[in-house]
Amino acid sequence: MRAYDSLRRRGDFTRVARRGKRNAGTYLTCFVADGRRRTRVGVTVGGTVGGAVVRNRLRRRIKAILDRYPLGAPPWRDILFIARPGAGELAWPVLVDEVARLLRVGS
């Protein structure tokens, strides 16, 4: 079971993208906004990143990386990751470093 919930509604994704603090990496962009009850995470991977297999694999990999972080404890926040073209071909260590750097800056 994950220590965080998922962003599910389009309005939640939009709110985080508009009001959240933006952190840009080479292959990912991260928005972090204040949360309410519990940390929620959303991952957006567009068609420019690759086919369905690549997009879903990248989404699962990002969530697996986030499972290592203590997101189940305060401060509550909403986090949105948006993948850029080329993110689907990243090696695991590079992806881990990219997510870690974006979360370090966003906290």
C-alpha atoms as a PDB file:
ATOM      1  CA  MET A   1       0.000   0.000   0.000  1.00  0.00           C
ATOM      2  CA  ARG A   2       1.318   3.392  -0.951  1.00  0.00           C
ATOM      3  CA  ALA A   3       2.008   6.077   1.640  1.00  0.00           C
ATOM      4  CA  TYR A   4       0.280   8.648  -0.575  1.00  0.00           C
ATOM      5  CA  ASP A   5      -2.934   9.001  -2.526  1.00  0.00           C
ATOM      6  CA  SER A   6      -3.263   9.724  -6.229  1.00  0.00           C
ATOM      7  CA  LEU A   7      -4.452  12.913  -7.847  1.00  0.00           C
ATOM      8  CA  ARG A   8      -7.534  11.770  -9.738  1.00  0.00           C
ATOM      9  CA  ARG A   9      -9.595  14.725 -10.910  1.00  0.00           C
ATOM     10  CA  ARG A  10      -8.633  17.018 -13.754  1.00  0.00           C
ATOM     11  CA  GLY A  11      -9.323  20.012 -11.513  1.00  0.00           C
ATOM     12  CA  ASP A  12      -6.784  18.776  -8.976  1.00  0.00           C
ATOM     13  CA  PHE A  13      -4.120  18.422 -11.663  1.00  0.00           C
ATOM     14  CA  THR A  14      -4.926  21.928 -12.930  1.00  0.00           C
ATOM     15  CA  ARG A  15      -4.850  23.452  -9.449  1.00  0.00           C
ATOM     16  CA  VAL A  16      -1.438  21.964  -8.665  1.00  0.00           C
ATOM     17  CA  ALA A  17      -0.041  23.092 -12.025  1.00  0.00           C
ATOM     18  CA  ARG A  18      -1.329  26.657 -11.540  1.00  0.00           C
ATOM     19  CA  ARG A  19      -0.678  27.235  -7.860  1.00  0.00           C
ATOM     20  CA  GLY A  20       2.235  24.915  -7.183  1.00  0.00           C
ATOM     21  CA  LYS A  21       5.893  25.766  -7.097  1.00  0.00           C
ATOM     22  CA  ARG A  22       7.491  24.685 -10.382  1.00  0.00           C
ATOM     23  CA  ASN A  23      10.780  22.797 -10.496  1.00  0.00           C
ATOM     24  CA  ALA A  24      12.142  21.920 -13.919  1.00  0.00           C
ATOM     25  CA  GLY A  25      14.589  19.152 -14.606  1.00  0.00           C
ATOM     26  CA  THR A  26      15.972  17.886 -17.880  1.00  0.00           C
ATOM     27  CA  TYR A  27      13.348  15.176 -18.383  1.00  0.00           C
ATOM     28  CA  LEU A  28      10.721  15.918 -15.722  1.00  0.00           C
ATOM     29  CA  THR A  29       8.872  18.944 -14.448  1.00  0.00           C
ATOM     30  CA  CYS A  30       7.566  18.883 -10.890  1.00  0.00           C
ATOM     31  CA  PHE A  31       4.887  21.067  -9.310  1.00  0.00           C
ATOM     32  CA  VAL A  32       4.448  21.068  -5.530  1.00  0.00           C
ATOM     33  CA  ALA A  33       1.442  22.713  -3.859  1.00  0.00           C
ATOM     34  CA  ASP A  34       0.168  22.722  -0.288  1.00  0.00           C
ATOM     35  CA  GLY A  35      -2.066  19.757   0.429  1.00  0.00           C
ATOM     36  CA  ARG A  36      -5.047  19.353   2.713  1.00  0.00           C
ATOM     37  CA  ARG A  37      -5.419  15.995   4.398  1.00  0.00           C
ATOM     38  CA  ARG A  38      -2.825  13.716   2.899  1.00  0.00           C
ATOM     39  CA  THR A  39      -0.070  13.831   0.299  1.00  0.00           C
ATOM     40  CA  ARG A  40      -1.337  13.157  -3.220  1.00  0.00           C
ATOM     41  CA  VAL A  41       0.776  12.462  -6.298  1.00  0.00           C
ATOM     42  CA  GLY A  42      -0.052  12.701  -9.982  1.00  0.00           C
ATOM     43  CA  VAL A  43       2.074  11.667 -12.956  1.00  0.00           C
ATOM     44  CA  THR A  44       1.343  12.944 -16.458  1.00  0.00           C
ATOM     45  CA  VAL A  45       3.086  11.306 -19.400  1.00  0.00           C
ATOM     46  CA  GLY A  46       2.053  12.628 -22.801  1.00  0.00           C
ATOM     47  CA  GLY A  47       2.129  10.893 -26.137  1.00  0.00           C
ATOM     48  CA  THR A  48       5.329  12.698 -27.149  1.00  0.00           C
ATOM     49  CA  VAL A  49       7.240  10.566 -24.627  1.00  0.00           C
ATOM     50  CA  GLY A  50       6.486   7.336 -26.470  1.00  0.00           C
ATOM     51  CA  GLY A  51       3.917   4.637 -27.010  1.00  0.00           C
ATOM     52  CA  ALA A  52       1.552   3.261 -24.388  1.00  0.00           C
ATOM     53  CA  VAL A  53       4.054   0.705 -23.109  1.00  0.00           C
ATOM     54  CA  VAL A  54       6.748   3.347 -22.611  1.00  0.00           C
ATOM     55  CA  ARG A  55       4.340   5.804 -20.966  1.00  0.00           C
ATOM     56  CA  ASN A  56       2.936   3.247 -18.529  1.00  0.00           C
ATOM     57  CA  ARG A  57       6.390   1.892 -17.672  1.00  0.00           C
ATOM     58  CA  LEU A  58       7.632   5.406 -16.919  1.00  0.00           C
ATOM     59  CA  ARG A  59       4.584   6.102 -14.735  1.00  0.00           C
ATOM     60  CA  ARG A  60       5.170   2.890 -12.756  1.00  0.00           C
ATOM     61  CA  ARG A  61       8.881   3.637 -12.380  1.00  0.00           C
ATOM     62  CA  ILE A  62       8.257   7.145 -11.023  1.00  0.00           C
ATOM     63  CA  LYS A  63       5.740   5.773  -8.507  1.00  0.00           C
ATOM     64  CA  ALA A  64       8.212   3.059  -7.458  1.00  0.00           C
ATOM     65  CA  ILE A  65      10.814   5.753  -6.799  1.00  0.00           C
ATOM     66  CA  LEU A  66       8.309   7.807  -4.787  1.00  0.00           C
ATOM     67  CA  ASP A  67       7.561   4.769  -2.613  1.00  0.00           C
ATOM     68  CA  ARG A  68      11.020   5.258  -1.079  1.00  0.00           C
ATOM     69  CA  TYR A  69      10.121   8.704   0.282  1.00  0.00           C
ATOM     70  CA  PRO A  70       8.264   9.378   3.559  1.00  0.00           C
ATOM     71  CA  LEU A  71       5.274  11.000   1.853  1.00  0.00           C
ATOM     72  CA  GLY A  72       2.832   9.575   4.391  1.00  0.00           C
ATOM     73  CA  ALA A  73       3.851  12.102   7.051  1.00  0.00           C
ATOM     74  CA  PRO A  74       3.251  15.863   7.257  1.00  0.00           C
ATOM     75  CA  PRO A  75       3.745  18.323   5.672  1.00  0.00           C
ATOM     76  CA  TRP A  76       0.898  17.350   3.350  1.00  0.00           C
ATOM     77  CA  ARG A  77       1.368  18.405  -0.248  1.00  0.00           C
ATOM     78  CA  ASP A  78       0.143  17.733  -3.744  1.00  0.00           C
ATOM     79  CA  ILE A  79       2.868  16.744  -6.188  1.00  0.00           C
ATOM     80  CA  LEU A  80       2.550  16.614  -9.958  1.00  0.00           C
ATOM     81  CA  PHE A  81       5.209  15.172 -12.266  1.00  0.00           C
ATOM     82  CA  ILE A  82       5.046  15.911 -15.977  1.00  0.00           C
ATOM     83  CA  ALA A  83       7.342  13.856 -18.204  1.00  0.00           C
ATOM     84  CA  ARG A  84       9.122  15.421 -21.156  1.00  0.00           C
ATOM     85  CA  PRO A  85      10.222  13.725 -24.372  1.00  0.00           C
ATOM     86  CA  GLY A  86      13.180  11.437 -23.759  1.00  0.00           C
ATOM     87  CA  ALA A  87      12.137  10.519 -20.203  1.00  0.00           C
ATOM     88  CA  GLY A  88      10.986   7.076 -21.319  1.00  0.00           C
ATOM     89  CA  GLU A  89      14.500   6.041 -22.335  1.00  0.00           C
ATOM     90  CA  LEU A  90      16.205   7.032 -19.080  1.00  0.00           C
ATOM     91  CA  ALA A  91      18.194   4.457 -17.169  1.00  0.00           C
ATOM     92  CA  TRP A  92      16.939   3.726 -13.658  1.00  0.00           C
ATOM     93  CA  PRO A  93      19.778   5.544 -11.776  1.00  0.00           C
ATOM     94  CA  VAL A  94      19.332   8.676 -13.893  1.00  0.00           C
ATOM     95  CA  LEU A  95      15.579   8.693 -13.274  1.00  0.00           C
ATOM     96  CA  VAL A  96      16.120   8.214  -9.527  1.00  0.00           C
ATOM     97  CA  ASP A  97      18.543  11.168  -9.472  1.00  0.00           C
ATOM     98  CA  GLU A  98      16.141  13.369 -11.444  1.00  0.00           C
ATOM     99  CA  VAL A  99      13.197  12.664  -9.115  1.00  0.00           C
ATOM    100  CA  ALA A 100      15.381  13.102  -6.001  1.00  0.00           C
ATOM    101  CA  ARG A 101      16.701  16.447  -7.216  1.00  0.00           C
ATOM    102  CA  LEU A 102      13.225  17.757  -8.050  1.00  0.00           C
ATOM    103  CA  LEU A 103      11.805  16.689  -4.678  1.00  0.00           C
ATOM    104  CA  ARG A 104      14.760  18.171  -2.803  1.00  0.00           C
ATOM    105  CA  VAL A 105      14.249  21.529  -4.509  1.00  0.00           C
ATOM    106  CA  GLY A 106      10.465  21.396  -4.086  1.00  0.00           C
ATOM    107  CA  SER A 107      10.433  20.695  -0.347  1.00  0.00           C
END
